[in-house]
């Protein structure tokens, strides 16, 4: 693991050389967190005052929006969107970073040296996958976790407590399942990156993967959070298997890489 950690540290240093990209990622994530928190907070204020709540329901009815218990319905949908967007942003940012992980080495002329170094290809891929997932995960959790903990104290979200921490299902999804699936996606993006000659082509291929992953994976471990934690544990286990398979496949792709 020492050699893997060396690759992780090296890749994290490369991320620090792109502050503009990191700031952009942080701003997008902050906007999502702020929007959902503000919406749920506004609904919490509405629910506290019976008169305001009655006016709110009357305005919805006047606008032709038929909805039974509108505040709980909107709160549940907002929390589902919050969880979905957190995971999809994690996967998307990971793919952006991983898609340039190996093609950048090729462009800089350092890939042949890495392939000839006393370093297993699986260690190289695993280190890049961890680093590619770690930076977005820190952004997502660093901004999303405090907001989620704050919202969990509001009575209006109590009926949907499994969609926020400290519920075990949420913690499994975002502290275990999300990072594992991000690493699996990173290994796929890295494999695409290893077979192209420019960053643009690599990122286009990665975004095609992200589109499917965002719908399927983010929906399963984010938007479809359920009170039963067993499903989230199952998804995390599948994510671990997907990561191991992805790292192995990318290592095979690198094994056929010409050293020129």
Foldseek 3Di string as FASTA:
>chain_A
DVLLVVLLVVLLVVVVVCVVLLVVLLVVLLVLLVVLLVVLVVLLVCVVDPVSVVVVVVVCVVVVNDDDPVSLVVNLQSLLVSQLVLLLSLLLQLLLSLLQPQLVCVVVLNNLVVVVPPAQLLSNLLSSLLNSNVSSLCSSCVNNQVSLVVSLVRPSCVVVNQSGPPQVLLCLLSVFLSSLLSSLLSLVLNLLSLPDNDSVSSSVVSVVVSVVCSVPVSCQSGSPGDNDNVSSVVSSVVSNVSNVVSSVVSSVSSVPRDSD
